[in-house]
Amino acid sequence: MLRFILTGKRRKGFRLAPPKRRVGRLRIQAIFLNLPLLVGALIVLALFLIVLFGPVWAPENPYLSGMKS
């Protein structure tokens, strides 16, 4: 290999490695094949949506709605 770098000449039988697959695509596949990661992400997303839309779903405090002042 050093000889090729210095002189530009290849030895007989020397082949270049095949091109690697795209790293980004492999990461996406690894994420979708990781079941615990997907379940955890869905739980976190559900909790985030509850926090975000909670005041819309329950506009009144259930502990104070029956009390009269």
PDB file of N, CA and C in Angstrom:
ATOM      1  N   MET A   1       0.829  -1.190   0.000  1.00  0.00           N
ATOM      2  CA  MET A   1       0.000   0.000   0.000  1.00  0.00           C
ATOM      3  C   MET A   1       0.868   1.246   0.000  1.00  0.00           C
ATOM      4  N   LEU A   2       1.918   1.241   0.799  1.00  0.00           N
ATOM      5  CA  LEU A   2       2.807   2.395   0.843  1.00  0.00           C
ATOM      6  C   LEU A   2       3.483   2.604  -0.507  1.00  0.00           C
ATOM      7  N   ARG A   3       3.805   1.491  -1.165  1.00  0.00           N
ATOM      8  CA  ARG A   3       4.423   1.593  -2.490  1.00  0.00           C
ATOM      9  C   ARG A   3       3.482   2.266  -3.474  1.00  0.00           C
ATOM     10  N   PHE A   4       2.197   1.933  -3.424  1.00  0.00           N
ATOM     11  CA  PHE A   4       1.212   2.549  -4.310  1.00  0.00           C
ATOM     12  C   PHE A   4       1.095   4.040  -4.033  1.00  0.00           C
ATOM     13  N   ILE A   5       1.126   4.410  -2.768  1.00  0.00           N
ATOM     14  CA  ILE A   5       1.005   5.822  -2.414  1.00  0.00           C
ATOM     15  C   ILE A   5       2.216   6.600  -2.919  1.00  0.00           C
ATOM     16  N   LEU A   6       3.405   6.025  -2.767  1.00  0.00           N
ATOM     17  CA  LEU A   6       4.623   6.741  -3.148  1.00  0.00           C
ATOM     18  C   LEU A   6       4.845   6.754  -4.656  1.00  0.00           C
ATOM     19  N   THR A   7       4.599   5.622  -5.329  1.00  0.00           N
ATOM     20  CA  THR A   7       4.927   5.530  -6.756  1.00  0.00           C
ATOM     21  C   THR A   7       3.708   5.562  -7.660  1.00  0.00           C
ATOM     22  N   GLY A   8       2.549   5.259  -7.144  1.00  0.00           N
ATOM     23  CA  GLY A   8       1.357   5.213  -7.978  1.00  0.00           C
ATOM     24  C   GLY A   8       1.207   3.897  -8.713  1.00  0.00           C
ATOM     25  N   LYS A   9       2.098   2.926  -8.473  1.00  0.00           N
ATOM     26  CA  LYS A   9       2.037   1.626  -9.137  1.00  0.00           C
ATOM     27  C   LYS A   9       1.415   0.600  -8.198  1.00  0.00           C
ATOM     28  N   ARG A  10       0.567  -0.243  -8.771  1.00  0.00           N
ATOM     29  CA  ARG A  10      -0.066  -1.299  -7.981  1.00  0.00           C
ATOM     30  C   ARG A  10       0.687  -2.600  -8.142  1.00  0.00           C
ATOM     31  N   ARG A  11       0.647  -3.399  -7.088  1.00  0.00           N
ATOM     32  CA  ARG A  11       1.197  -4.744  -7.178  1.00  0.00           C
ATOM     33  C   ARG A  11       0.172  -5.646  -7.842  1.00  0.00           C
ATOM     34  N   LYS A  12       0.643  -6.766  -8.364  1.00  0.00           N
ATOM     35  CA  LYS A  12      -0.289  -7.725  -8.958  1.00  0.00           C
ATOM     36  C   LYS A  12      -1.156  -8.323  -7.860  1.00  0.00           C
ATOM     37  N   GLY A  13      -2.416  -8.514  -8.162  1.00  0.00           N
ATOM     38  CA  GLY A  13      -3.323  -9.121  -7.209  1.00  0.00           C
ATOM     39  C   GLY A  13      -3.875  -8.152  -6.179  1.00  0.00           C
ATOM     40  N   PHE A  14      -3.497  -6.909  -6.259  1.00  0.00           N
ATOM     41  CA  PHE A  14      -3.985  -5.918  -5.291  1.00  0.00           C
ATOM     42  C   PHE A  14      -5.286  -5.329  -5.812  1.00  0.00           C
ATOM     43  N   ARG A  15      -6.319  -5.422  -5.015  1.00  0.00           N
ATOM     44  CA  ARG A  15      -7.619  -4.868  -5.408  1.00  0.00           C
ATOM     45  C   ARG A  15      -8.063  -3.832  -4.398  1.00  0.00           C
ATOM     46  N   LEU A  16      -8.754  -2.853  -4.885  1.00  0.00           N
ATOM     47  CA  LEU A  16      -9.334  -1.859  -3.991  1.00  0.00           C
ATOM     48  C   LEU A  16     -10.569  -2.445  -3.329  1.00  0.00           C
ATOM     49  N   ALA A  17     -10.871  -1.984  -2.153  1.00  0.00           N
ATOM     50  CA  ALA A  17     -12.049  -2.465  -1.429  1.00  0.00           C
ATOM     51  C   ALA A  17     -13.306  -1.970  -2.133  1.00  0.00           C
ATOM     52  N   PRO A  18     -14.378  -2.762  -2.095  1.00  0.00           N
ATOM     53  CA  PRO A  18     -15.624  -2.296  -2.701  1.00  0.00           C
ATOM     54  C   PRO A  18     -16.153  -1.089  -1.933  1.00  0.00           C
ATOM     55  N   PRO A  19     -16.900  -0.242  -2.607  1.00  0.00           N
ATOM     56  CA  PRO A  19     -17.418   0.946  -1.910  1.00  0.00           C
ATOM     57  C   PRO A  19     -18.346   0.550  -0.767  1.00  0.00           C
ATOM     58  N   LYS A  20     -18.225   1.265   0.338  1.00  0.00           N
ATOM     59  CA  LYS A  20     -19.048   0.968   1.508  1.00  0.00           C
ATOM     60  C   LYS A  20     -20.456   1.510   1.309  1.00  0.00           C
ATOM     61  N   ARG A  21     -21.408   0.855   1.958  1.00  0.00           N
ATOM     62  CA  ARG A  21     -22.778   1.356   1.918  1.00  0.00           C
ATOM     63  C   ARG A  21     -22.850   2.658   2.678  1.00  0.00           C
ATOM     64  N   ARG A  22     -23.838   3.421   2.365  1.00  0.00           N
ATOM     65  CA  ARG A  22     -23.975   4.712   3.028  1.00  0.00           C
ATOM     66  C   ARG A  22     -24.208   4.515   4.513  1.00  0.00           C
ATOM     67  N   VAL A  23     -23.450   5.233   5.314  1.00  0.00           N
ATOM     68  CA  VAL A  23     -23.509   5.083   6.766  1.00  0.00           C
ATOM     69  C   VAL A  23     -24.849   5.576   7.293  1.00  0.00           C
ATOM     70  N   GLY A  24     -25.376   6.642   6.738  1.00  0.00           N
ATOM     71  CA  GLY A  24     -26.652   7.181   7.202  1.00  0.00           C
ATOM     72  C   GLY A  24     -27.791   6.191   7.048  1.00  0.00           C
ATOM     73  N   ARG A  25     -27.796   5.477   5.940  1.00  0.00           N
ATOM     74  CA  ARG A  25     -28.850   4.497   5.706  1.00  0.00           C
ATOM     75  C   ARG A  25     -28.760   3.353   6.713  1.00  0.00           C
ATOM     76  N   LEU A  26     -27.535   2.955   7.044  1.00  0.00           N
ATOM     77  CA  LEU A  26     -27.366   1.888   8.026  1.00  0.00           C
ATOM     78  C   LEU A  26     -27.847   2.332   9.404  1.00  0.00           C
ATOM     79  N   ARG A  27     -27.600   3.589   9.751  1.00  0.00           N
ATOM     80  CA  ARG A  27     -28.058   4.088  11.051  1.00  0.00           C
ATOM     81  C   ARG A  27     -29.577   4.101  11.121  1.00  0.00           C
ATOM     82  N   ILE A  28     -30.227   4.514  10.053  1.00  0.00           N
ATOM     83  CA  ILE A  28     -31.696   4.542  10.043  1.00  0.00           C
ATOM     84  C   ILE A  28     -32.244   3.123  10.174  1.00  0.00           C
ATOM     85  N   GLN A  29     -31.653   2.182   9.470  1.00  0.00           N
ATOM     86  CA  GLN A  29     -32.098   0.789   9.581  1.00  0.00           C
ATOM     87  C   GLN A  29     -31.888   0.266  10.994  1.00  0.00           C
ATOM     88  N   ALA A  30     -30.774   0.617  11.607  1.00  0.00           N
ATOM     89  CA  ALA A  30     -30.496   0.157  12.970  1.00  0.00           C
ATOM     90  C   ALA A  30     -31.509   0.732  13.948  1.00  0.00           C
ATOM     91  N   ILE A  31     -31.924   1.976  13.737  1.00  0.00           N
ATOM     92  CA  ILE A  31     -32.911   2.598  14.624  1.00  0.00           C
ATOM     93  C   ILE A  31     -34.255   1.888  14.493  1.00  0.00           C
ATOM     94  N   PHE A  32     -34.691   1.620  13.273  1.00  0.00           N
ATOM     95  CA  PHE A  32     -35.996   0.993  13.085  1.00  0.00           C
ATOM     96  C   PHE A  32     -36.007  -0.480  13.481  1.00  0.00           C
ATOM     97  N   LEU A  33     -34.864  -1.105  13.559  1.00  0.00           N
ATOM     98  CA  LEU A  33     -34.800  -2.498  13.998  1.00  0.00           C
ATOM     99  C   LEU A  33     -34.625  -2.627  15.507  1.00  0.00           C
ATOM    100  N   ASN A  34     -34.419  -1.520  16.200  1.00  0.00           N
ATOM    101  CA  ASN A  34     -34.219  -1.534  17.647  1.00  0.00           C
ATOM    102  C   ASN A  34     -35.579  -1.322  18.328  1.00  0.00           C
ATOM    103  N   LEU A  35     -36.226  -2.405  18.706  1.00  0.00           N
ATOM    104  CA  LEU A  35     -37.575  -2.345  19.270  1.00  0.00           C
ATOM    105  C   LEU A  35     -37.643  -1.570  20.586  1.00  0.00           C
ATOM    106  N   PRO A  36     -36.738  -1.770  21.540  1.00  0.00           N
ATOM    107  CA  PRO A  36     -36.820  -0.982  22.776  1.00  0.00           C
ATOM    108  C   PRO A  36     -36.687   0.522  22.534  1.00  0.00           C
ATOM    109  N   LEU A  37     -35.871   0.909  21.580  1.00  0.00           N
ATOM    110  CA  LEU A  37     -35.734   2.327  21.258  1.00  0.00           C
ATOM    111  C   LEU A  37     -37.039   2.884  20.701  1.00  0.00           C
ATOM    112  N   LEU A  38     -37.695   2.140  19.834  1.00  0.00           N
ATOM    113  CA  LEU A  38     -38.961   2.601  19.260  1.00  0.00           C
ATOM    114  C   LEU A  38     -40.054   2.702  20.316  1.00  0.00           C
ATOM    115  N   VAL A  39     -40.136   1.720  21.195  1.00  0.00           N
ATOM    116  CA  VAL A  39     -41.153   1.753  22.258  1.00  0.00           C
ATOM    117  C   VAL A  39     -40.903   2.935  23.184  1.00  0.00           C
ATOM    118  N   GLY A  40     -39.662   3.158  23.573  1.00  0.00           N
ATOM    119  CA  GLY A  40     -39.329   4.292  24.428  1.00  0.00           C
ATOM    120  C   GLY A  40     -39.626   5.620  23.761  1.00  0.00           C
ATOM    121  N   ALA A  41     -39.325   5.720  22.471  1.00  0.00           N
ATOM    122  CA  ALA A  41     -39.604   6.959  21.742  1.00  0.00           C
ATOM    123  C   ALA A  41     -41.107   7.216  21.665  1.00  0.00           C
ATOM    124  N   LEU A  42     -41.901   6.172  21.476  1.00  0.00           N
ATOM    125  CA  LEU A  42     -43.358   6.342  21.434  1.00  0.00           C
ATOM    126  C   LEU A  42     -43.910   6.770  22.793  1.00  0.00           C
ATOM    127  N   ILE A  43     -43.371   6.228  23.869  1.00  0.00           N
ATOM    128  CA  ILE A  43     -43.814   6.625  25.210  1.00  0.00           C
ATOM    129  C   ILE A  43     -43.478   8.083  25.470  1.00  0.00           C
ATOM    130  N   VAL A  44     -42.263   8.486  25.125  1.00  0.00           N
ATOM    131  CA  VAL A  44     -41.861   9.884  25.329  1.00  0.00           C
ATOM    132  C   VAL A  44     -42.714  10.811  24.472  1.00  0.00           C
ATOM    133  N   LEU A  45     -42.993  10.428  23.236  1.00  0.00           N
ATOM    134  CA  LEU A  45     -43.838  11.242  22.361  1.00  0.00           C
ATOM    135  C   LEU A  45     -45.251  11.358  22.926  1.00  0.00           C
ATOM    136  N   ALA A  46     -45.801  10.263  23.437  1.00  0.00           N
ATOM    137  CA  ALA A  46     -47.142  10.303  24.025  1.00  0.00           C
ATOM    138  C   ALA A  46     -47.179  11.215  25.250  1.00  0.00           C
ATOM    139  N   LEU A  47     -46.175  11.129  26.113  1.00  0.00           N
ATOM    140  CA  LEU A  47     -46.130  12.009  27.289  1.00  0.00           C
ATOM    141  C   LEU A  47     -45.985  13.471  26.888  1.00  0.00           C
ATOM    142  N   PHE A  48     -45.187  13.734  25.867  1.00  0.00           N
ATOM    143  CA  PHE A  48     -45.030  15.105  25.385  1.00  0.00           C
ATOM    144  C   PHE A  48     -46.352  15.649  24.855  1.00  0.00           C
ATOM    145  N   LEU A  49     -47.104  14.829  24.122  1.00  0.00           N
ATOM    146  CA  LEU A  49     -48.401  15.276  23.605  1.00  0.00           C
ATOM    147  C   LEU A  49     -49.397  15.512  24.734  1.00  0.00           C
ATOM    148  N   ILE A  50     -49.364  14.693  25.774  1.00  0.00           N
ATOM    149  CA  ILE A  50     -50.244  14.900  26.927  1.00  0.00           C
ATOM    150  C   ILE A  50     -49.922  16.216  27.609  1.00  0.00           C
ATOM    151  N   VAL A  51     -48.635  16.507  27.780  1.00  0.00           N
ATOM    152  CA  VAL A  51     -48.235  17.769  28.410  1.00  0.00           C
ATOM    153  C   VAL A  51     -48.630  18.949  27.534  1.00  0.00           C
ATOM    154  N   LEU A  52     -48.452  18.804  26.233  1.00  0.00           N
ATOM    155  CA  LEU A  52     -48.728  19.906  25.314  1.00  0.00           C
ATOM    156  C   LEU A  52     -50.222  20.198  25.206  1.00  0.00           C
ATOM    157  N   PHE A  53     -51.046  19.164  25.103  1.00  0.00           N
ATOM    158  CA  PHE A  53     -52.479  19.359  24.898  1.00  0.00           C
ATOM    159  C   PHE A  53     -53.311  19.100  26.148  1.00  0.00           C
ATOM    160  N   GLY A  54     -52.700  18.937  27.294  1.00  0.00           N
ATOM    161  CA  GLY A  54     -53.426  18.687  28.536  1.00  0.00           C
ATOM    162  C   GLY A  54     -54.437  19.760  28.889  1.00  0.00           C
ATOM    163  N   PRO A  55     -54.077  21.034  28.818  1.00  0.00           N
ATOM    164  CA  PRO A  55     -55.059  22.075  29.144  1.00  0.00           C
ATOM    165  C   PRO A  55     -56.265  22.088  28.205  1.00  0.00           C
ATOM    166  N   VAL A  56     -56.111  21.630  26.989  1.00  0.00           N
ATOM    167  CA  VAL A  56     -57.239  21.573  26.050  1.00  0.00           C
ATOM    168  C   VAL A  56     -58.158  20.414  26.410  1.00  0.00           C
ATOM    169  N   TRP A  57     -57.581  19.284  26.794  1.00  0.00           N
ATOM    170  CA  TRP A  57     -58.377  18.105  27.115  1.00  0.00           C
ATOM    171  C   TRP A  57     -59.104  18.244  28.451  1.00  0.00           C
ATOM    172  N   ALA A  58     -58.513  18.917  29.405  1.00  0.00           N
ATOM    173  CA  ALA A  58     -59.132  19.091  30.724  1.00  0.00           C
ATOM    174  C   ALA A  58     -58.996  20.559  31.130  1.00  0.00           C
ATOM    175  N   PRO A  59     -59.912  21.408  30.668  1.00  0.00           N
ATOM    176  CA  PRO A  59     -59.763  22.843  30.926  1.00  0.00           C
ATOM    177  C   PRO A  59     -60.000  23.239  32.382  1.00  0.00           C
ATOM    178  N   GLU A  60     -60.717  22.412  33.142  1.00  0.00           N
ATOM    179  CA  GLU A  60     -61.001  22.762  34.535  1.00  0.00           C
ATOM    180  C   GLU A  60     -60.273  21.807  35.468  1.00  0.00           C
ATOM    181  N   ASN A  61     -59.930  22.303  36.637  1.00  0.00           N
ATOM    182  CA  ASN A  61     -59.300  21.475  37.654  1.00  0.00           C
ATOM    183  C   ASN A  61     -60.364  20.558  38.247  1.00  0.00           C
ATOM    184  N   PRO A  62     -60.216  19.238  38.175  1.00  0.00           N
ATOM    185  CA  PRO A  62     -61.243  18.334  38.684  1.00  0.00           C
ATOM    186  C   PRO A  62     -61.408  18.422  40.199  1.00  0.00           C
ATOM    187  N   TYR A  63     -60.404  18.882  40.903  1.00  0.00           N
ATOM    188  CA  TYR A  63     -60.493  19.000  42.356  1.00  0.00           C
ATOM    189  C   TYR A  63     -61.265  20.241  42.773  1.00  0.00           C
ATOM    190  N   LEU A  64     -61.299  21.237  41.914  1.00  0.00           N
ATOM    191  CA  LEU A  64     -61.964  22.490  42.263  1.00  0.00           C
ATOM    192  C   LEU A  64     -63.277  22.703  41.527  1.00  0.00           C
ATOM    193  N   SER A  65     -63.641  21.850  40.588  1.00  0.00           N
ATOM    194  CA  SER A  65     -64.822  22.094  39.766  1.00  0.00           C
ATOM    195  C   SER A  65     -66.127  21.963  40.547  1.00  0.00           C
ATOM    196  N   GLY A  66     -66.186  21.139  41.590  1.00  0.00           N
ATOM    197  CA  GLY A  66     -67.415  20.970  42.359  1.00  0.00           C
ATOM    198  C   GLY A  66     -67.523  21.906  43.544  1.00  0.00           C
ATOM    199  N   MET A  67     -66.492  22.657  43.843  1.00  0.00           N
ATOM    200  CA  MET A  67     -66.495  23.540  45.014  1.00  0.00           C
ATOM    201  C   MET A  67     -67.137  24.882  44.679  1.00  0.00           C
ATOM    202  N   LYS A  68     -67.831  25.414  45.663  1.00  0.00           N
ATOM    203  CA  LYS A  68     -68.392  26.757  45.501  1.00  0.00           C
ATOM    204  C   LYS A  68     -67.659  27.685  46.443  1.00  0.00           C
ATOM    205  N   SER A  69     -67.383  28.876  45.972  1.00  0.00           N
ATOM    206  CA  SER A  69     -66.656  29.810  46.828  1.00  0.00           C
ATOM    207  C   SER A  69     -67.560  30.752  47.568  1.00  0.00           C
TER     208      SER A  69
END
